[in-house]
N, C-alpha and C. Protein backbone atom coordinates (compact mmCIF):
# COMPACT_ATOMS: atom_id res chain seq x y z
N UNK A 1 0.83 -1.17 0.00
CA UNK A 1 0.00 0.00 0.00
C UNK A 1 0.88 1.24 0.00
N UNK A 2 0.55 2.17 -0.82
CA UNK A 2 1.33 3.38 -0.93
C UNK A 2 0.92 4.40 0.13
N UNK A 3 1.92 5.15 0.57
CA UNK A 3 1.63 6.18 1.56
C UNK A 3 1.07 7.41 0.86
N UNK A 4 0.19 8.10 1.54
CA UNK A 4 -0.44 9.29 0.99
C UNK A 4 -0.44 10.45 1.98
N UNK A 5 -0.25 10.16 3.25
CA UNK A 5 -0.43 11.17 4.29
C UNK A 5 0.66 12.23 4.26
N UNK A 6 1.81 11.95 3.69
CA UNK A 6 2.86 12.95 3.60
C UNK A 6 2.43 14.12 2.72
N UNK A 7 1.75 13.80 1.63
CA UNK A 7 1.27 14.85 0.73
C UNK A 7 0.24 15.74 1.44
N UNK A 8 -0.67 15.11 2.15
CA UNK A 8 -1.70 15.86 2.85
C UNK A 8 -1.10 16.75 3.93
N UNK A 9 -0.24 16.18 4.76
CA UNK A 9 0.38 16.97 5.83
C UNK A 9 1.27 18.07 5.25
N UNK A 10 2.00 17.76 4.20
CA UNK A 10 2.85 18.77 3.57
C UNK A 10 2.04 19.91 2.98
N UNK A 11 0.93 19.58 2.36
CA UNK A 11 0.05 20.59 1.77
C UNK A 11 -0.46 21.55 2.85
N UNK A 12 -0.96 20.98 3.94
CA UNK A 12 -1.51 21.79 5.03
C UNK A 12 -0.41 22.61 5.71
N UNK A 13 0.71 21.98 6.02
CA UNK A 13 1.79 22.69 6.71
C UNK A 13 2.37 23.78 5.82
N UNK A 14 2.54 23.49 4.54
CA UNK A 14 3.09 24.50 3.63
C UNK A 14 2.18 25.70 3.50
N UNK A 15 0.88 25.47 3.40
CA UNK A 15 -0.06 26.59 3.29
C UNK A 15 -0.08 27.41 4.57
N UNK A 16 0.04 26.74 5.73
CA UNK A 16 0.00 27.45 7.00
C UNK A 16 1.30 28.23 7.27
N UNK A 17 2.44 27.64 6.89
CA UNK A 17 3.72 28.28 7.19
C UNK A 17 4.02 29.45 6.26
N UNK A 18 3.63 29.37 5.03
CA UNK A 18 3.87 30.48 4.10
C UNK A 18 2.58 31.27 3.93
N UNK A 19 2.26 32.05 4.94
CA UNK A 19 1.01 32.80 4.92
C UNK A 19 0.98 33.90 3.87
N UNK A 20 2.17 34.41 3.52
CA UNK A 20 2.19 35.49 2.52
C UNK A 20 1.80 34.98 1.14
N UNK A 21 1.98 33.69 0.88
CA UNK A 21 1.55 33.10 -0.39
C UNK A 21 1.17 31.64 -0.12
N UNK A 22 -0.07 31.40 0.34
CA UNK A 22 -0.46 30.04 0.73
C UNK A 22 -0.46 29.05 -0.43
N UNK A 23 -0.70 29.52 -1.65
CA UNK A 23 -0.70 28.60 -2.79
C UNK A 23 0.71 28.07 -3.03
N UNK A 24 1.69 28.95 -3.01
CA UNK A 24 3.08 28.54 -3.17
C UNK A 24 3.49 27.61 -2.03
N UNK A 25 3.12 27.97 -0.82
CA UNK A 25 3.43 27.13 0.34
C UNK A 25 2.82 25.76 0.23
N UNK A 26 1.57 25.71 -0.25
CA UNK A 26 0.90 24.42 -0.39
C UNK A 26 1.60 23.56 -1.44
N UNK A 27 2.04 24.19 -2.53
CA UNK A 27 2.74 23.42 -3.57
C UNK A 27 4.09 22.90 -3.09
N UNK A 28 4.82 23.75 -2.38
CA UNK A 28 6.10 23.31 -1.82
C UNK A 28 5.88 22.19 -0.81
N UNK A 29 4.88 22.36 0.04
CA UNK A 29 4.56 21.31 1.01
C UNK A 29 4.13 20.02 0.35
N UNK A 30 3.39 20.13 -0.74
CA UNK A 30 2.97 18.95 -1.48
C UNK A 30 4.17 18.21 -2.07
N UNK A 31 5.13 18.96 -2.60
CA UNK A 31 6.34 18.34 -3.14
C UNK A 31 7.17 17.65 -2.06
N UNK A 32 7.32 18.31 -0.92
CA UNK A 32 8.06 17.71 0.18
C UNK A 32 7.32 16.48 0.71
N UNK A 33 6.01 16.56 0.79
CA UNK A 33 5.22 15.41 1.23
C UNK A 33 5.32 14.25 0.27
N UNK A 34 5.34 14.53 -1.02
CA UNK A 34 5.50 13.47 -2.01
C UNK A 34 6.88 12.80 -1.86
N UNK A 35 7.90 13.62 -1.66
CA UNK A 35 9.24 13.08 -1.47
C UNK A 35 9.28 12.17 -0.23
N UNK A 36 8.58 12.56 0.80
CA UNK A 36 8.50 11.72 2.00
C UNK A 36 7.78 10.41 1.70
N UNK A 37 6.69 10.49 0.95
CA UNK A 37 5.90 9.30 0.66
C UNK A 37 6.65 8.27 -0.17
N UNK A 38 7.51 8.71 -1.06
CA UNK A 38 8.24 7.77 -1.91
C UNK A 38 9.64 7.48 -1.39
N UNK A 39 9.92 7.86 -0.15
CA UNK A 39 11.17 7.54 0.56
C UNK A 39 12.41 8.14 -0.08
N UNK A 40 12.32 9.36 -0.58
CA UNK A 40 13.50 10.02 -1.10
C UNK A 40 14.46 10.40 0.00
N UNK A 41 13.96 10.57 1.21
CA UNK A 41 14.79 11.02 2.31
C UNK A 41 15.46 9.87 3.06
N UNK A 42 15.05 8.66 2.79
CA UNK A 42 15.65 7.53 3.48
C UNK A 42 17.05 7.29 2.93
N UNK A 43 17.98 7.14 3.83
CA UNK A 43 19.35 6.85 3.40
C UNK A 43 19.41 5.41 2.94
N UNK A 44 19.92 5.24 1.76
CA UNK A 44 20.02 3.89 1.20
C UNK A 44 21.12 3.13 1.92
N UNK A 45 20.76 1.99 2.42
CA UNK A 45 21.74 1.16 3.09
C UNK A 45 22.25 0.13 2.09
N UNK A 46 23.53 0.01 2.04
CA UNK A 46 24.11 -0.97 1.15
C UNK A 46 23.89 -2.35 1.74
N UNK A 47 23.26 -3.19 0.97
CA UNK A 47 23.04 -4.55 1.43
C UNK A 47 24.21 -5.42 0.98
N UNK A 48 24.35 -6.53 1.60
CA UNK A 48 25.38 -7.48 1.23
C UNK A 48 24.96 -8.12 -0.09
N UNK A 49 25.73 -7.92 -1.17
CA UNK A 49 25.31 -8.47 -2.46
C UNK A 49 25.29 -10.00 -2.48
N UNK A 50 26.08 -10.62 -1.63
CA UNK A 50 26.10 -12.08 -1.58
C UNK A 50 24.81 -12.62 -0.97
N UNK A 51 24.24 -11.87 -0.04
CA UNK A 51 23.00 -12.31 0.62
C UNK A 51 21.83 -12.35 -0.36
N UNK A 52 21.87 -11.52 -1.39
CA UNK A 52 20.81 -11.52 -2.40
C UNK A 52 20.73 -12.88 -3.08
N UNK A 53 21.89 -13.51 -3.27
CA UNK A 53 21.94 -14.82 -3.92
C UNK A 53 21.95 -15.97 -2.93
N UNK A 54 21.95 -15.67 -1.64
CA UNK A 54 21.98 -16.72 -0.64
C UNK A 54 23.35 -17.35 -0.51
N UNK A 55 24.39 -16.58 -0.76
CA UNK A 55 25.76 -17.07 -0.71
C UNK A 55 26.54 -16.34 0.37
N UNK A 56 27.74 -16.83 0.64
CA UNK A 56 28.65 -16.14 1.54
C UNK A 56 29.76 -15.50 0.71
N UNK A 57 30.57 -14.71 1.36
CA UNK A 57 31.66 -14.03 0.65
C UNK A 57 32.74 -14.99 0.18
N UNK A 58 32.74 -16.20 0.71
CA UNK A 58 33.73 -17.20 0.32
C UNK A 58 33.31 -17.97 -0.93
N UNK A 59 32.18 -17.64 -1.51
CA UNK A 59 31.69 -18.36 -2.69
C UNK A 59 32.62 -18.12 -3.87
N UNK A 60 32.78 -19.14 -4.69
CA UNK A 60 33.64 -19.02 -5.86
C UNK A 60 32.90 -18.27 -6.97
N UNK A 61 33.65 -17.89 -7.99
CA UNK A 61 33.04 -17.21 -9.13
C UNK A 61 32.01 -18.10 -9.82
N UNK A 62 32.29 -19.38 -9.90
CA UNK A 62 31.36 -20.31 -10.53
C UNK A 62 30.06 -20.40 -9.74
N UNK A 63 30.14 -20.41 -8.42
CA UNK A 63 28.94 -20.47 -7.59
C UNK A 63 28.11 -19.19 -7.73
N UNK A 64 28.79 -18.06 -7.80
CA UNK A 64 28.09 -16.79 -7.98
C UNK A 64 27.38 -16.77 -9.34
N UNK A 65 28.09 -17.18 -10.38
CA UNK A 65 27.49 -17.21 -11.72
C UNK A 65 26.30 -18.17 -11.77
N UNK A 66 26.43 -19.32 -11.15
CA UNK A 66 25.35 -20.31 -11.14
C UNK A 66 24.12 -19.77 -10.41
N UNK A 67 24.34 -19.14 -9.27
CA UNK A 67 23.21 -18.59 -8.50
C UNK A 67 22.55 -17.45 -9.26
N UNK A 68 23.36 -16.62 -9.91
CA UNK A 68 22.80 -15.51 -10.69
C UNK A 68 21.96 -16.03 -11.85
N UNK A 69 22.49 -16.97 -12.59
CA UNK A 69 21.74 -17.49 -13.74
C UNK A 69 20.45 -18.18 -13.32
N UNK A 70 20.51 -18.90 -12.21
CA UNK A 70 19.30 -19.59 -11.73
C UNK A 70 18.22 -18.58 -11.33
N UNK A 71 18.60 -17.57 -10.57
CA UNK A 71 17.62 -16.60 -10.09
C UNK A 71 17.14 -15.64 -11.18
N UNK A 72 18.04 -15.21 -12.07
CA UNK A 72 17.60 -14.29 -13.11
C UNK A 72 16.71 -15.02 -14.11
N UNK A 73 16.94 -16.30 -14.30
CA UNK A 73 16.05 -17.09 -15.15
C UNK A 73 14.66 -17.21 -14.54
N UNK A 74 14.61 -17.24 -13.24
CA UNK A 74 13.33 -17.36 -12.54
C UNK A 74 12.57 -16.03 -12.51
N UNK A 75 13.28 -14.92 -12.38
CA UNK A 75 12.63 -13.63 -12.20
C UNK A 75 12.70 -12.71 -13.41
N UNK A 76 13.23 -13.17 -14.52
CA UNK A 76 13.35 -12.29 -15.69
C UNK A 76 11.95 -11.91 -16.19
N UNK A 77 11.71 -10.63 -16.42
CA UNK A 77 10.37 -10.17 -16.83
C UNK A 77 9.87 -10.77 -18.14
N UNK A 78 10.76 -11.12 -19.05
CA UNK A 78 10.34 -11.71 -20.32
C UNK A 78 9.70 -13.09 -20.13
N UNK A 79 10.04 -13.76 -19.06
CA UNK A 79 9.45 -15.08 -18.80
C UNK A 79 8.03 -14.97 -18.26
N UNK A 80 7.65 -13.78 -17.82
CA UNK A 80 6.32 -13.56 -17.25
C UNK A 80 5.48 -12.73 -18.21
N UNK A 81 5.52 -13.07 -19.47
CA UNK A 81 4.86 -12.27 -20.51
C UNK A 81 3.37 -12.09 -20.26
N UNK A 82 2.66 -13.15 -19.92
CA UNK A 82 1.21 -13.05 -19.75
C UNK A 82 0.77 -12.95 -18.31
N UNK A 83 1.70 -12.66 -17.41
CA UNK A 83 1.36 -12.61 -15.98
C UNK A 83 0.64 -11.31 -15.64
N UNK A 84 0.10 -11.28 -14.45
CA UNK A 84 -0.58 -10.08 -13.95
C UNK A 84 0.42 -8.93 -13.84
N UNK A 85 -0.04 -7.70 -14.03
CA UNK A 85 0.87 -6.56 -13.98
C UNK A 85 1.62 -6.42 -12.65
N UNK A 86 0.95 -6.70 -11.55
CA UNK A 86 1.61 -6.59 -10.24
C UNK A 86 2.72 -7.63 -10.11
N UNK A 87 2.48 -8.84 -10.56
CA UNK A 87 3.50 -9.89 -10.51
C UNK A 87 4.67 -9.52 -11.41
N UNK A 88 4.37 -8.98 -12.55
CA UNK A 88 5.41 -8.56 -13.49
C UNK A 88 6.26 -7.42 -12.89
N UNK A 89 5.63 -6.48 -12.21
CA UNK A 89 6.36 -5.38 -11.56
C UNK A 89 7.28 -5.91 -10.46
N UNK A 90 6.79 -6.87 -9.70
CA UNK A 90 7.62 -7.45 -8.64
C UNK A 90 8.81 -8.19 -9.23
N UNK A 91 8.59 -8.90 -10.33
CA UNK A 91 9.68 -9.62 -10.99
C UNK A 91 10.71 -8.64 -11.56
N UNK A 92 10.25 -7.53 -12.11
CA UNK A 92 11.18 -6.53 -12.63
C UNK A 92 12.02 -5.93 -11.52
N UNK A 93 11.40 -5.67 -10.38
CA UNK A 93 12.14 -5.13 -9.23
C UNK A 93 13.17 -6.13 -8.73
N UNK A 94 12.78 -7.39 -8.66
CA UNK A 94 13.71 -8.43 -8.20
C UNK A 94 14.85 -8.61 -9.20
N UNK A 95 14.55 -8.54 -10.50
CA UNK A 95 15.59 -8.67 -11.52
C UNK A 95 16.57 -7.50 -11.43
N UNK A 96 16.07 -6.29 -11.18
CA UNK A 96 16.96 -5.14 -11.00
C UNK A 96 17.87 -5.34 -9.79
N UNK A 97 17.29 -5.88 -8.71
CA UNK A 97 18.07 -6.14 -7.51
C UNK A 97 19.16 -7.18 -7.77
N UNK A 98 18.81 -8.23 -8.51
CA UNK A 98 19.78 -9.28 -8.83
C UNK A 98 20.90 -8.73 -9.72
N UNK A 99 20.55 -7.94 -10.71
CA UNK A 99 21.56 -7.37 -11.60
C UNK A 99 22.50 -6.44 -10.85
N UNK A 100 21.94 -5.62 -9.96
CA UNK A 100 22.77 -4.69 -9.18
C UNK A 100 23.72 -5.47 -8.26
N UNK A 101 23.22 -6.51 -7.62
CA UNK A 101 24.06 -7.32 -6.73
C UNK A 101 25.16 -8.03 -7.52
N UNK A 102 24.82 -8.56 -8.68
CA UNK A 102 25.81 -9.26 -9.51
C UNK A 102 26.89 -8.28 -9.98
N UNK A 103 26.48 -7.09 -10.41
CA UNK A 103 27.46 -6.09 -10.83
C UNK A 103 28.36 -5.68 -9.67
N UNK A 104 27.78 -5.53 -8.50
CA UNK A 104 28.55 -5.15 -7.31
C UNK A 104 29.57 -6.23 -6.96
N UNK A 105 29.18 -7.49 -7.03
CA UNK A 105 30.11 -8.58 -6.73
C UNK A 105 31.25 -8.59 -7.75
N UNK A 106 30.91 -8.44 -9.02
CA UNK A 106 31.95 -8.45 -10.04
C UNK A 106 32.92 -7.29 -9.86
N UNK A 107 32.41 -6.12 -9.49
CA UNK A 107 33.27 -4.96 -9.24
C UNK A 107 34.17 -5.20 -8.04
N UNK A 108 33.62 -5.76 -6.97
CA UNK A 108 34.42 -6.04 -5.78
C UNK A 108 35.51 -7.06 -6.07
N UNK A 109 35.21 -8.03 -6.90
CA UNK A 109 36.19 -9.07 -7.20
C UNK A 109 37.27 -8.59 -8.15
N UNK A 110 36.96 -7.63 -9.01
CA UNK A 110 37.97 -7.07 -9.90
C UNK A 110 39.02 -6.29 -9.11
N UNK A 111 38.56 -5.60 -8.07
CA UNK A 111 39.47 -4.78 -7.26
C UNK A 111 40.48 -5.62 -6.50
N UNK A 112 40.05 -6.79 -6.07
CA UNK A 112 40.96 -7.58 -5.24
C UNK A 112 41.79 -8.56 -6.01
């Protein structure tokens, strides 16, 4: 479920705080509330890329490649062509997460 109350509270607070121009204040408050609702202010925490694949840092390159291929084959959006839109969106998000984790692992391994 998506949050909506940030927009409402931002709209009201913006209009009240900028009394000289309540319309401008309401718009600014609405923008700040929207940013709150979609988590723009949350600091992104770096997750362990190995945990995405269910592996440890001691996993070999072959194990990482095998886990990536297995999971991306399962969650690739092209495989869910006729699925419900919500299921397809979830698969796309999971595929993005898998690709980002795989790229991060490859970058970390190149450095060492």
